[in-house]
Every structure is written in C-alpha cells, then in structure tokens.
Amino acid sequence: MNATAIKPAAVPRFLPGATVATPGALEACGLDYMLRCLARHVRGDWGCVCAEDAETNNDAVSDGDRILSAYPIDPAKPSQGFGINTLWIITEADRSVTTFLLPEEY
C-alpha cells in the first residue's frame, strides 16, 4: 500500500487511551499545541514521519500495533521526525496510553 494514498480522517481512527507527557515534552510544548498534535495523531495525520513509518502506522491502526507520530515543536523550523525540534506521540498497541515525549527521552 502506498502511504501517500491514505489521507487523514475527519474523525478519529482510534482512541488514544490515557494521555501522559514526559517532563521534556511539557517543557518544550504548550498544552494547546500538544492537543492539536494529538487531534492530528488520532485522525491518522502522522506528521513528519518517513513514508515507511507512515505505512506502518496505517497498518497498526487495524492490526493493533503501536503508533508513532512526529511533529515539529516549532512549526516554523524543520523537523526530520527525530532529533531536535521534534515531538513524538506514541500510542501503545493495546491503546491503553498515549505518551508525548521528546526523542531523547525514549
């Protein structure tokens, strides 16, 4: 399946479970921005992950595997989906918890 062929849904594709954040994510991002990113994440807009990770996420929604999205902390600056200026959101396979974290906190 071509990852670019799947567009983000208008409604959530999965439930995130409990939502938690690491100290680094809380320090780097405002709550409003984190909530906007979470809304994108549950709709299937995986942010700046590579095509392979996007396809893995699309499969994970139906297969019940872990889902990882990546967003720039400062949208005006580039993010490669890892490293500096990156916020990760990970939803566990059992959908019990979704975590906001910085890559270096993984």
Protein backbone atom coordinates (compact mmCIF):
# COMPACT_ATOMS: atom_id res chain seq x y z
CA MET A 1 0.00 0.00 0.00
CA ASN A 2 1.23 3.49 -0.82
CA ALA A 3 1.32 5.57 2.39
CA THR A 4 0.63 8.78 0.49
CA ALA A 5 -2.68 7.32 -0.74
CA ILE A 6 -4.20 7.32 2.75
CA LYS A 7 -5.45 10.73 3.79
CA PRO A 8 -6.06 11.73 7.41
CA ALA A 9 -9.61 11.01 8.52
CA ALA A 10 -12.08 13.70 9.57
CA VAL A 11 -12.90 11.62 12.66
CA PRO A 12 -10.60 9.67 14.99
CA ARG A 13 -9.29 6.39 13.59
CA PHE A 14 -8.54 5.05 17.08
CA LEU A 15 -8.92 6.02 20.74
CA PRO A 16 -5.73 7.17 22.49
CA GLY A 17 -6.46 5.81 25.98
CA ALA A 18 -4.94 7.73 28.89
CA THR A 19 -2.77 10.63 27.76
CA VAL A 20 0.52 11.36 29.52
CA ALA A 21 3.55 13.53 28.85
CA THR A 22 7.20 13.45 29.87
CA PRO A 23 8.79 16.44 31.61
CA GLY A 24 10.71 17.34 28.45
CA ALA A 25 7.58 17.39 26.29
CA LEU A 26 5.75 19.53 28.82
CA GLU A 27 8.63 21.98 28.94
CA ALA A 28 9.04 22.15 25.15
CA CYS A 29 5.38 22.48 24.12
CA GLY A 30 2.29 24.29 25.23
CA LEU A 31 -0.81 22.29 26.11
CA ASP A 32 -2.79 23.82 23.24
CA TYR A 33 -0.17 22.73 20.70
CA MET A 34 0.02 19.25 22.22
CA LEU A 35 -3.76 18.88 21.93
CA ARG A 36 -3.66 19.97 18.27
CA CYS A 37 -0.96 17.37 17.61
CA LEU A 38 -2.99 14.70 19.44
CA ALA A 39 -6.02 15.52 17.26
CA ARG A 40 -3.85 15.04 14.15
CA HIS A 41 -2.39 11.79 15.56
CA VAL A 42 -5.75 10.09 16.21
CA ARG A 43 -7.04 11.16 12.76
CA GLY A 44 -4.08 9.48 11.03
CA ASP A 45 -2.00 12.56 10.23
CA TRP A 46 1.35 11.16 11.35
CA GLY A 47 3.23 14.44 10.94
CA CYS A 48 6.82 14.27 9.70
CA VAL A 49 7.49 10.53 9.88
CA CYS A 50 9.08 8.84 6.86
CA ALA A 51 6.87 7.07 4.30
CA GLU A 52 7.75 3.64 5.70
CA ASP A 53 6.73 4.66 9.24
CA ALA A 54 3.52 6.21 7.91
CA GLU A 55 2.65 2.93 6.20
CA THR A 56 3.50 1.02 9.39
CA ASN A 57 1.18 3.36 11.34
CA ASN A 58 -1.64 2.89 8.83
CA ASP A 59 -1.32 -0.88 9.21
CA ALA A 60 -1.04 -0.56 13.01
CA VAL A 61 -4.43 1.14 13.26
CA SER A 62 -6.16 -2.03 12.06
CA ASP A 63 -3.58 -4.56 13.29
CA GLY A 64 -3.48 -3.23 16.85
CA ASP A 65 0.21 -2.35 16.90
CA ARG A 66 1.99 0.68 18.37
CA ILE A 67 1.56 4.02 16.55
CA LEU A 68 4.22 6.75 16.41
CA SER A 69 3.71 10.29 15.10
CA ALA A 70 6.27 13.09 14.95
CA TYR A 71 5.63 16.83 14.80
CA PRO A 72 7.93 19.84 14.83
CA ILE A 73 7.96 21.59 18.21
CA ASP A 74 8.32 24.89 16.34
CA PRO A 75 6.37 24.51 13.07
CA ALA A 76 8.37 27.38 11.54
CA LYS A 77 11.55 25.27 11.76
CA PRO A 78 12.35 21.96 10.05
CA SER A 79 11.99 18.61 11.75
CA GLN A 80 13.19 15.28 10.38
CA GLY A 81 10.82 13.29 12.59
CA PHE A 82 13.62 12.66 15.08
CA GLY A 83 16.27 14.71 16.82
CA ILE A 84 15.99 18.40 17.62
CA ASN A 85 12.69 20.28 17.20
CA THR A 86 10.68 17.05 17.33
CA LEU A 87 7.75 15.99 19.49
CA TRP A 88 6.82 12.31 19.40
CA ILE A 89 3.42 10.90 20.23
CA ILE A 90 3.30 7.15 20.84
CA THR A 91 0.09 5.18 21.33
CA GLU A 92 0.68 1.72 22.77
CA ALA A 93 -0.54 -1.35 20.92
CA ASP A 94 -3.32 -2.05 23.42
CA ARG A 95 -4.47 1.61 23.12
CA SER A 96 -4.30 1.98 26.90
CA VAL A 97 -2.00 5.01 26.87
CA THR A 98 -0.65 7.68 24.54
CA THR A 99 2.59 9.42 25.51
CA PHE A 100 4.01 12.78 24.45
CA LEU A 101 7.80 12.74 24.60
CA LEU A 102 10.96 14.07 23.04
CA PRO A 103 13.07 11.59 21.05
CA GLU A 104 15.92 11.83 23.57
CA GLU A 105 13.51 10.74 26.32
CA TYR A 106 12.71 7.45 24.58
